[in-house]
Full PDB file with SEQRES, HELIX, SHEET, SSBOND, CRYST1, ORIGX, SCALE, CONECT and MASTER records, all heavy atoms in Angstrom:
SEQRES   1 A   33  LYS VAL SER ALA ILE THR CYS SER SER TYR LYS CYS SER          
SEQRES   2 A   33  VAL SER LEU THR GLU ASP PHE ILE MET GLN PHE ILE LYS          
SEQRES   3 A   33  ASP ASP ASP LYS LEU SER THR                                  
HELIX    1 AA1 GLU A   18  ILE A   25  1                                   8    
HELIX    2 AA2 ASP A   29  SER A   32  1                                   4    
CRYST1    1.000    1.000    1.000  90.00  90.00  90.00 P 1           1          
ORIGX1      1.000000  0.000000  0.000000        0.00000                         
ORIGX2      0.000000  1.000000  0.000000        0.00000                         
ORIGX3      0.000000  0.000000  1.000000        0.00000                         
SCALE1      1.000000  0.000000  0.000000        0.00000                         
SCALE2      0.000000  1.000000  0.000000        0.00000                         
SCALE3      0.000000  0.000000  1.000000        0.00000                         
ATOM      1  N   LYS A   1      67.694 129.436 131.294  1.00  0.00           N  
ATOM      2  CA  LYS A   1      67.759 129.534 132.762  1.00  0.00           C  
ATOM      3  C   LYS A   1      66.333 129.692 133.312  1.00  0.00           C  
ATOM      4  O   LYS A   1      65.955 130.774 133.755  1.00  0.00           O  
ATOM      5  CB  LYS A   1      68.672 130.673 133.181  1.00  0.00           C  
ATOM      6  CG  LYS A   1      70.102 130.476 132.743  1.00  0.00           C  
ATOM      7  CD  LYS A   1      70.975 131.595 133.163  1.00  0.00           C  
ATOM      8  CE  LYS A   1      72.420 131.317 132.733  1.00  0.00           C  
ATOM      9  NZ  LYS A   1      73.296 132.434 133.040  1.00  0.00           N  
ATOM     10  N   VAL A   2      65.564 128.624 133.283  1.00  0.00           N  
ATOM     11  CA  VAL A   2      64.168 128.702 133.647  1.00  0.00           C  
ATOM     12  C   VAL A   2      63.815 127.992 134.949  1.00  0.00           C  
ATOM     13  O   VAL A   2      62.695 128.049 135.423  1.00  0.00           O  
ATOM     14  CB  VAL A   2      63.248 128.167 132.524  1.00  0.00           C  
ATOM     15  CG1 VAL A   2      63.439 128.990 131.263  1.00  0.00           C  
ATOM     16  CG2 VAL A   2      63.507 126.700 132.249  1.00  0.00           C  
ATOM     17  N   SER A   3      64.775 127.278 135.533  1.00  0.00           N  
ATOM     18  CA  SER A   3      64.491 126.489 136.733  1.00  0.00           C  
ATOM     19  C   SER A   3      64.001 127.346 137.906  1.00  0.00           C  
ATOM     20  O   SER A   3      63.049 127.002 138.566  1.00  0.00           O  
ATOM     21  CB  SER A   3      65.713 125.704 137.185  1.00  0.00           C  
ATOM     22  OG  SER A   3      65.961 124.667 136.263  1.00  0.00           O  
ATOM     23  N   ALA A   4      64.647 128.445 138.152  1.00  0.00           N  
ATOM     24  CA  ALA A   4      64.247 129.324 139.266  1.00  0.00           C  
ATOM     25  C   ALA A   4      64.499 130.752 138.854  1.00  0.00           C  
ATOM     26  O   ALA A   4      65.528 131.335 139.199  1.00  0.00           O  
ATOM     27  CB  ALA A   4      65.015 128.953 140.518  1.00  0.00           C  
ATOM     28  N   ILE A   5      63.589 131.301 138.126  1.00  0.00           N  
ATOM     29  CA  ILE A   5      63.729 132.708 137.706  1.00  0.00           C  
ATOM     30  C   ILE A   5      63.341 133.591 138.888  1.00  0.00           C  
ATOM     31  O   ILE A   5      62.262 133.445 139.441  1.00  0.00           O  
ATOM     32  CB  ILE A   5      62.867 133.028 136.469  1.00  0.00           C  
ATOM     33  CG1 ILE A   5      63.281 132.158 135.287  1.00  0.00           C  
ATOM     34  CG2 ILE A   5      62.993 134.513 136.118  1.00  0.00           C  
ATOM     35  CD1 ILE A   5      62.428 132.343 134.055  1.00  0.00           C  
ATOM     36  N   THR A   6      64.256 134.448 139.246  1.00  0.00           N  
ATOM     37  CA  THR A   6      64.005 135.338 140.384  1.00  0.00           C  
ATOM     38  C   THR A   6      63.645 136.738 139.895  1.00  0.00           C  
ATOM     39  O   THR A   6      63.870 137.081 138.750  1.00  0.00           O  
ATOM     40  CB  THR A   6      65.194 135.396 141.341  1.00  0.00           C  
ATOM     41  OG1 THR A   6      66.342 135.821 140.607  1.00  0.00           O  
ATOM     42  CG2 THR A   6      65.460 134.054 141.960  1.00  0.00           C  
ATOM     43  N   CYS A   7      63.162 137.546 140.808  1.00  0.00           N  
ATOM     44  CA  CYS A   7      62.813 138.932 140.573  1.00  0.00           C  
ATOM     45  C   CYS A   7      64.002 139.656 139.958  1.00  0.00           C  
ATOM     46  O   CYS A   7      65.149 139.392 140.282  1.00  0.00           O  
ATOM     47  CB  CYS A   7      62.364 139.570 141.860  1.00  0.00           C  
ATOM     48  SG  CYS A   7      62.006 141.321 141.725  1.00  0.00           S  
ATOM     49  N   SER A   8      63.701 140.604 139.081  1.00  0.00           N  
ATOM     50  CA  SER A   8      64.790 141.344 138.381  1.00  0.00           C  
ATOM     51  C   SER A   8      65.275 142.533 139.199  1.00  0.00           C  
ATOM     52  O   SER A   8      66.278 143.155 138.847  1.00  0.00           O  
ATOM     53  CB  SER A   8      64.310 141.842 137.023  1.00  0.00           C  
ATOM     54  OG  SER A   8      63.243 142.755 137.180  1.00  0.00           O  
ATOM     55  N   SER A   9      64.614 142.847 140.282  1.00  0.00           N  
ATOM     56  CA  SER A   9      65.034 143.993 141.105  1.00  0.00           C  
ATOM     57  C   SER A   9      66.322 143.687 141.838  1.00  0.00           C  
ATOM     58  O   SER A   9      66.575 142.546 142.252  1.00  0.00           O  
ATOM     59  CB  SER A   9      63.952 144.343 142.114  1.00  0.00           C  
ATOM     60  OG  SER A   9      62.797 144.774 141.468  1.00  0.00           O  
ATOM     61  N   TYR A  10      67.110 144.727 142.033  1.00  0.00           N  
ATOM     62  CA  TYR A  10      68.402 144.582 142.710  1.00  0.00           C  
ATOM     63  C   TYR A  10      68.250 143.976 144.092  1.00  0.00           C  
ATOM     64  O   TYR A  10      67.428 144.437 144.884  1.00  0.00           O  
ATOM     65  CB  TYR A  10      69.051 145.970 142.777  1.00  0.00           C  
ATOM     66  CG  TYR A  10      70.425 145.983 143.403  1.00  0.00           C  
ATOM     67  CD1 TYR A  10      71.499 145.347 142.758  1.00  0.00           C  
ATOM     68  CD2 TYR A  10      70.635 146.577 144.621  1.00  0.00           C  
ATOM     69  CE1 TYR A  10      72.754 145.367 143.306  1.00  0.00           C  
ATOM     70  CE2 TYR A  10      71.922 146.593 145.200  1.00  0.00           C  
ATOM     71  CZ  TYR A  10      72.954 145.970 144.542  1.00  0.00           C  
ATOM     72  OH  TYR A  10      74.208 145.962 145.093  1.00  0.00           O  
ATOM     73  N   LYS A  11      69.026 142.944 144.370  1.00  0.00           N  
ATOM     74  CA  LYS A  11      69.047 142.239 145.652  1.00  0.00           C  
ATOM     75  C   LYS A  11      67.746 141.578 146.031  1.00  0.00           C  
ATOM     76  O   LYS A  11      67.506 141.288 147.221  1.00  0.00           O  
ATOM     77  CB  LYS A  11      69.515 143.169 146.787  1.00  0.00           C  
ATOM     78  CG  LYS A  11      70.983 143.540 146.671  1.00  0.00           C  
ATOM     79  CD  LYS A  11      71.449 144.246 147.944  1.00  0.00           C  
ATOM     80  CE  LYS A  11      72.904 144.550 147.870  1.00  0.00           C  
ATOM     81  NZ  LYS A  11      73.439 145.137 149.082  1.00  0.00           N  
ATOM     82  N   CYS A  12      66.855 141.358 145.080  1.00  0.00           N  
ATOM     83  CA  CYS A  12      65.608 140.643 145.374  1.00  0.00           C  
ATOM     84  C   CYS A  12      65.776 139.203 144.916  1.00  0.00           C  
ATOM     85  O   CYS A  12      66.152 138.935 143.772  1.00  0.00           O  
ATOM     86  CB  CYS A  12      64.444 141.308 144.627  1.00  0.00           C  
ATOM     87  SG  CYS A  12      62.858 140.480 144.972  1.00  0.00           S  
ATOM     88  N   SER A  13      65.480 138.259 145.798  1.00  0.00           N  
ATOM     89  CA  SER A  13      65.676 136.857 145.471  1.00  0.00           C  
ATOM     90  C   SER A  13      64.354 136.088 145.445  1.00  0.00           C  
ATOM     91  O   SER A  13      64.341 134.859 145.496  1.00  0.00           O  
ATOM     92  CB  SER A  13      66.622 136.210 146.470  1.00  0.00           C  
ATOM     93  OG  SER A  13      66.083 136.319 147.771  1.00  0.00           O  
ATOM     94  N   VAL A  14      63.250 136.801 145.325  1.00  0.00           N  
ATOM     95  CA  VAL A  14      61.937 136.150 145.266  1.00  0.00           C  
ATOM     96  C   VAL A  14      61.811 135.375 143.938  1.00  0.00           C  
ATOM     97  O   VAL A  14      62.088 135.917 142.865  1.00  0.00           O  
ATOM     98  CB  VAL A  14      60.794 137.180 145.397  1.00  0.00           C  
ATOM     99  CG1 VAL A  14      59.442 136.560 145.175  1.00  0.00           C  
ATOM    100  CG2 VAL A  14      60.839 137.841 146.757  1.00  0.00           C  
ATOM    101  N   SER A  15      61.407 134.108 144.024  1.00  0.00           N  
ATOM    102  CA  SER A  15      61.214 133.313 142.814  1.00  0.00           C  
ATOM    103  C   SER A  15      59.874 133.690 142.176  1.00  0.00           C  
ATOM    104  O   SER A  15      58.875 133.819 142.862  1.00  0.00           O  
ATOM    105  CB  SER A  15      61.215 131.831 143.152  1.00  0.00           C  
ATOM    106  OG  SER A  15      62.496 131.421 143.550  1.00  0.00           O  
ATOM    107  N   LEU A  16      59.904 133.806 140.854  1.00  0.00           N  
ATOM    108  CA  LEU A  16      58.693 134.128 140.118  1.00  0.00           C  
ATOM    109  C   LEU A  16      57.877 132.868 139.871  1.00  0.00           C  
ATOM    110  O   LEU A  16      58.438 131.827 139.524  1.00  0.00           O  
ATOM    111  CB  LEU A  16      59.048 134.820 138.794  1.00  0.00           C  
ATOM    112  CG  LEU A  16      59.961 136.038 138.879  1.00  0.00           C  
ATOM    113  CD1 LEU A  16      60.241 136.581 137.485  1.00  0.00           C  
ATOM    114  CD2 LEU A  16      59.308 137.107 139.750  1.00  0.00           C  
ATOM    115  N   THR A  17      56.565 132.990 139.944  1.00  0.00           N  
ATOM    116  CA  THR A  17      55.690 131.856 139.656  1.00  0.00           C  
ATOM    117  C   THR A  17      55.512 131.726 138.154  1.00  0.00           C  
ATOM    118  O   THR A  17      55.697 132.696 137.406  1.00  0.00           O  
ATOM    119  CB  THR A  17      54.322 132.030 140.304  1.00  0.00           C  
ATOM    120  OG1 THR A  17      53.647 133.158 139.710  1.00  0.00           O  
ATOM    121  CG2 THR A  17      54.436 132.210 141.812  1.00  0.00           C  
ATOM    122  N   GLU A  18      55.100 130.552 137.727  1.00  0.00           N  
ATOM    123  CA  GLU A  18      54.852 130.343 136.309  1.00  0.00           C  
ATOM    124  C   GLU A  18      53.717 131.238 135.811  1.00  0.00           C  
ATOM    125  O   GLU A  18      53.791 131.762 134.699  1.00  0.00           O  
ATOM    126  CB  GLU A  18      54.508 128.860 136.049  1.00  0.00           C  
ATOM    127  CG  GLU A  18      54.395 128.540 134.596  1.00  0.00           C  
ATOM    128  CD  GLU A  18      54.348 127.061 134.327  1.00  0.00           C  
ATOM    129  OE1 GLU A  18      54.651 126.242 135.214  1.00  0.00           O  
ATOM    130  OE2 GLU A  18      53.980 126.698 133.178  1.00  0.00           O  
ATOM    131  N   ASP A  19      52.701 131.439 136.629  1.00  0.00           N  
ATOM    132  CA  ASP A  19      51.594 132.336 136.243  1.00  0.00           C  
ATOM    133  C   ASP A  19      52.088 133.767 136.028  1.00  0.00           C  
ATOM    134  O   ASP A  19      51.673 134.430 135.075  1.00  0.00           O  
ATOM    135  CB  ASP A  19      50.499 132.346 137.306  1.00  0.00           C  
ATOM    136  CG  ASP A  19      49.718 131.045 137.351  1.00  0.00           C  
ATOM    137  OD1 ASP A  19      49.738 130.295 136.353  1.00  0.00           O  
ATOM    138  OD2 ASP A  19      49.098 130.762 138.399  1.00  0.00           O  
ATOM    139  N   PHE A  20      52.961 134.222 136.907  1.00  0.00           N  
ATOM    140  CA  PHE A  20      53.532 135.564 136.755  1.00  0.00           C  
ATOM    141  C   PHE A  20      54.313 135.681 135.460  1.00  0.00           C  
ATOM    142  O   PHE A  20      54.160 136.645 134.715  1.00  0.00           O  
ATOM    143  CB  PHE A  20      54.412 135.897 137.959  1.00  0.00           C  
ATOM    144  CG  PHE A  20      54.974 137.285 137.931  1.00  0.00           C  
ATOM    145  CD1 PHE A  20      54.264 138.350 138.443  1.00  0.00           C  
ATOM    146  CD2 PHE A  20      56.224 137.541 137.393  1.00  0.00           C  
ATOM    147  CE1 PHE A  20      54.771 139.644 138.422  1.00  0.00           C  
ATOM    148  CE2 PHE A  20      56.753 138.821 137.363  1.00  0.00           C  
ATOM    149  CZ  PHE A  20      56.023 139.894 137.874  1.00  0.00           C  
ATOM    150  N   ILE A  21      55.148 134.692 135.192  1.00  0.00           N  
ATOM    151  CA  ILE A  21      55.971 134.699 133.981  1.00  0.00           C  
ATOM    152  C   ILE A  21      55.098 134.680 132.736  1.00  0.00           C  
ATOM    153  O   ILE A  21      55.317 135.451 131.809  1.00  0.00           O  
ATOM    154  CB  ILE A  21      56.955 133.502 133.987  1.00  0.00           C  
ATOM    155  CG1 ILE A  21      57.966 133.669 135.140  1.00  0.00           C  
ATOM    156  CG2 ILE A  21      57.627 133.331 132.639  1.00  0.00           C  
ATOM    157  CD1 ILE A  21      58.794 132.458 135.461  1.00  0.00           C  
ATOM    158  N   MET A  22      54.072 133.799 132.752  1.00  0.00           N  
ATOM    159  CA  MET A  22      53.230 133.660 131.557  1.00  0.00           C  
ATOM    160  C   MET A  22      52.456 134.934 131.231  1.00  0.00           C  
ATOM    161  O   MET A  22      52.186 135.189 130.066  1.00  0.00           O  
ATOM    162  CB  MET A  22      52.300 132.479 131.726  1.00  0.00           C  
ATOM    163  CG  MET A  22      52.991 131.125 131.663  1.00  0.00           C  
ATOM    164  SD  MET A  22      53.969 130.849 130.170  1.00  0.00           S  
ATOM    165  CE  MET A  22      52.693 130.769 128.946  1.00  0.00           C  
ATOM    166  N   GLN A  23      52.124 135.724 132.217  1.00  0.00           N  
ATOM    167  CA  GLN A  23      51.366 136.940 131.915  1.00  0.00           C  
ATOM    168  C   GLN A  23      52.178 137.929 131.055  1.00  0.00           C  
ATOM    169  O   GLN A  23      51.637 138.746 130.344  1.00  0.00           O  
ATOM    170  CB  GLN A  23      50.844 137.624 133.174  1.00  0.00           C  
ATOM    171  CG  GLN A  23      51.870 138.304 134.024  1.00  0.00           C  
ATOM    172  CD  GLN A  23      51.262 138.998 135.219  1.00  0.00           C  
ATOM    173  OE1 GLN A  23      50.225 139.666 135.103  1.00  0.00           O  
ATOM    174  NE2 GLN A  23      51.893 138.839 136.354  1.00  0.00           N  
ATOM    175  N   PHE A  24      53.506 137.805 131.070  1.00  0.00           N  
ATOM    176  CA  PHE A  24      54.371 138.691 130.275  1.00  0.00           C  
ATOM    177  C   PHE A  24      54.791 138.091 128.935  1.00  0.00           C  
ATOM    178  O   PHE A  24      55.113 138.814 128.020  1.00  0.00           O  
ATOM    179  CB  PHE A  24      55.611 139.077 131.078  1.00  0.00           C  
ATOM    180  CG  PHE A  24      55.283 139.920 132.268  1.00  0.00           C  
ATOM    181  CD1 PHE A  24      55.241 139.353 133.528  1.00  0.00           C  
ATOM    182  CD2 PHE A  24      54.984 141.268 132.128  1.00  0.00           C  
ATOM    183  CE1 PHE A  24      54.910 140.125 134.643  1.00  0.00           C  
ATOM    184  CE2 PHE A  24      54.643 142.043 133.225  1.00  0.00           C  
ATOM    185  CZ  PHE A  24      54.609 141.449 134.490  1.00  0.00           C  
ATOM    186  N   ILE A  25      54.780 136.757 128.852  1.00  0.00           N  
ATOM    187  CA  ILE A  25      55.263 136.126 127.617  1.00  0.00           C  
ATOM    188  C   ILE A  25      54.187 135.436 126.814  1.00  0.00           C  
ATOM    189  O   ILE A  25      54.460 134.951 125.721  1.00  0.00           O  
ATOM    190  CB  ILE A  25      56.424 135.156 127.912  1.00  0.00           C  
ATOM    191  CG1 ILE A  25      55.945 133.944 128.721  1.00  0.00           C  
ATOM    192  CG2 ILE A  25      57.578 135.838 128.576  1.00  0.00           C  
ATOM    193  CD1 ILE A  25      56.929 132.800 128.806  1.00  0.00           C  
ATOM    194  N   LYS A  26      52.977 135.386 127.306  1.00  0.00           N  
ATOM    195  CA  LYS A  26      51.910 134.612 126.670  1.00  0.00           C  
ATOM    196  C   LYS A  26      51.583 135.055 125.224  1.00  0.00           C  
ATOM    197  O   LYS A  26      51.164 134.229 124.417  1.00  0.00           O  
ATOM    198  CB  LYS A  26      50.638 134.621 127.497  1.00  0.00           C  
ATOM    199  CG  LYS A  26      49.978 135.965 127.571  1.00  0.00           C  
ATOM    200  CD  LYS A  26      48.777 135.948 128.453  1.00  0.00           C  
ATOM    201  CE  LYS A  26      48.233 137.376 128.546  1.00  0.00           C  
ATOM    202  NZ  LYS A  26      47.266 137.507 129.592  1.00  0.00           N  
ATOM    203  N   ASP A  27      51.808 136.283 124.891  1.00  0.00           N  
ATOM    204  CA  ASP A  27      51.525 136.772 123.543  1.00  0.00           C  
ATOM    205  C   ASP A  27      52.617 136.467 122.527  1.00  0.00           C  
ATOM    206  O   ASP A  27      52.442 136.665 121.328  1.00  0.00           O  
ATOM    207  CB  ASP A  27      51.277 138.293 123.576  1.00  0.00           C  
ATOM    208  CG  ASP A  27      50.037 138.649 124.360  1.00  0.00           C  
ATOM    209  OD1 ASP A  27      49.119 137.823 124.442  1.00  0.00           O  
ATOM    210  OD2 ASP A  27      49.978 139.762 124.916  1.00  0.00           O  
ATOM    211  N   ASP A  28      53.737 135.968 123.009  1.00  0.00           N  
ATOM    212  CA  ASP A  28      54.828 135.588 122.128  1.00  0.00           C  
ATOM    213  C   ASP A  28      54.883 134.054 122.093  1.00  0.00           C  
ATOM    214  O   ASP A  28      55.463 133.410 122.972  1.00  0.00           O  
ATOM    215  CB  ASP A  28      56.161 136.155 122.671  1.00  0.00           C  
ATOM    216  CG  ASP A  28      57.318 135.936 121.740  1.00  0.00           C  
ATOM    217  OD1 ASP A  28      57.424 134.862 121.123  1.00  0.00           O  
ATOM    218  OD2 ASP A  28      58.164 136.855 121.637  1.00  0.00           O  
ATOM    219  N   ASP A  29      54.242 133.480 121.075  1.00  0.00           N  
ATOM    220  CA  ASP A  29      54.115 132.011 120.989  1.00  0.00           C  
ATOM    221  C   ASP A  29      55.450 131.306 120.987  1.00  0.00           C  
ATOM    222  O   ASP A  29      55.609 130.288 121.650  1.00  0.00           O  
ATOM    223  CB  ASP A  29      53.344 131.609 119.727  1.00  0.00           C  
ATOM    224  CG  ASP A  29      51.867 132.019 119.797  1.00  0.00           C  
ATOM    225  OD1 ASP A  29      51.348 132.210 120.919  1.00  0.00           O  
ATOM    226  OD2 ASP A  29      51.266 132.171 118.717  1.00  0.00           O  
ATOM    227  N   LYS A  30      56.408 131.828 120.257  1.00  0.00           N  
ATOM    228  CA  LYS A  30      57.728 131.206 120.193  1.00  0.00           C  
ATOM    229  C   LYS A  30      58.416 131.186 121.553  1.00  0.00           C  
ATOM    230  O   LYS A  30      58.967 130.167 121.968  1.00  0.00           O  
ATOM    231  CB  LYS A  30      58.589 131.943 119.157  1.00  0.00           C  
ATOM    232  CG  LYS A  30      59.806 131.183 118.683  1.00  0.00           C  
ATOM    233  CD  LYS A  30      60.617 132.016 117.705  1.00  0.00           C  
ATOM    234  CE  LYS A  30      60.223 131.685 116.302  1.00  0.00           C  
ATOM    235  NZ  LYS A  30      61.114 132.342 115.320  1.00  0.00           N  
ATOM    236  N   LEU A  31      58.338 132.293 122.263  1.00  0.00           N  
ATOM    237  CA  LEU A  31      58.998 132.411 123.578  1.00  0.00           C  
ATOM    238  C   LEU A  31      58.290 131.525 124.612  1.00  0.00           C  
ATOM    239  O   LEU A  31      58.939 130.850 125.393  1.00  0.00           O  
ATOM    240  CB  LEU A  31      59.040 133.860 124.027  1.00  0.00           C  
ATOM    241  CG  LEU A  31      59.890 134.137 125.255  1.00  0.00           C  
ATOM    242  CD1 LEU A  31      61.339 133.775 125.011  1.00  0.00           C  
ATOM    243  CD2 LEU A  31      59.779 135.614 125.625  1.00  0.00           C  
ATOM    244  N   SER A  32      56.970 131.506 124.590  1.00  0.00           N  
ATOM    245  CA  SER A  32      56.223 130.723 125.589  1.00  0.00           C  
ATOM    246  C   SER A  32      56.436 129.236 125.326  1.00  0.00           C  
ATOM    247  O   SER A  32      56.525 128.439 126.273  1.00  0.00           O  
ATOM    248  CB  SER A  32      54.744 131.101 125.635  1.00  0.00           C  
ATOM    249  OG  SER A  32      54.157 130.978 124.397  1.00  0.00           O  
ATOM    250  N   THR A  33      56.541 128.829 124.059  1.00  0.00           N  
ATOM    251  CA  THR A  33      56.840 127.412 123.745  1.00  0.00           C  
ATOM    252  C   THR A  33      58.242 127.061 124.216  1.00  0.00           C  
ATOM    253  O   THR A  33      58.447 125.999 124.795  1.00  0.00           O  
ATOM    254  CB  THR A  33      56.708 127.163 122.227  1.00  0.00           C  
ATOM    255  OG1 THR A  33      55.380 127.447 121.830  1.00  0.00           O  
ATOM    256  CG2 THR A  33      57.070 125.746 121.857  1.00  0.00           C  
TER     257      THR A  33                                                      
MASTER        0    0    0    2    0    0    0    6  256    1    0    3          
END                                                                             
């Protein structure tokens, strides 16, 4: 489910940017691939 990942906070519908996402997953090669 990567098309429009939204904020994880309750009732927040802000879409996350790719840069934001990558800062959390970049160290996990398998997950970022």
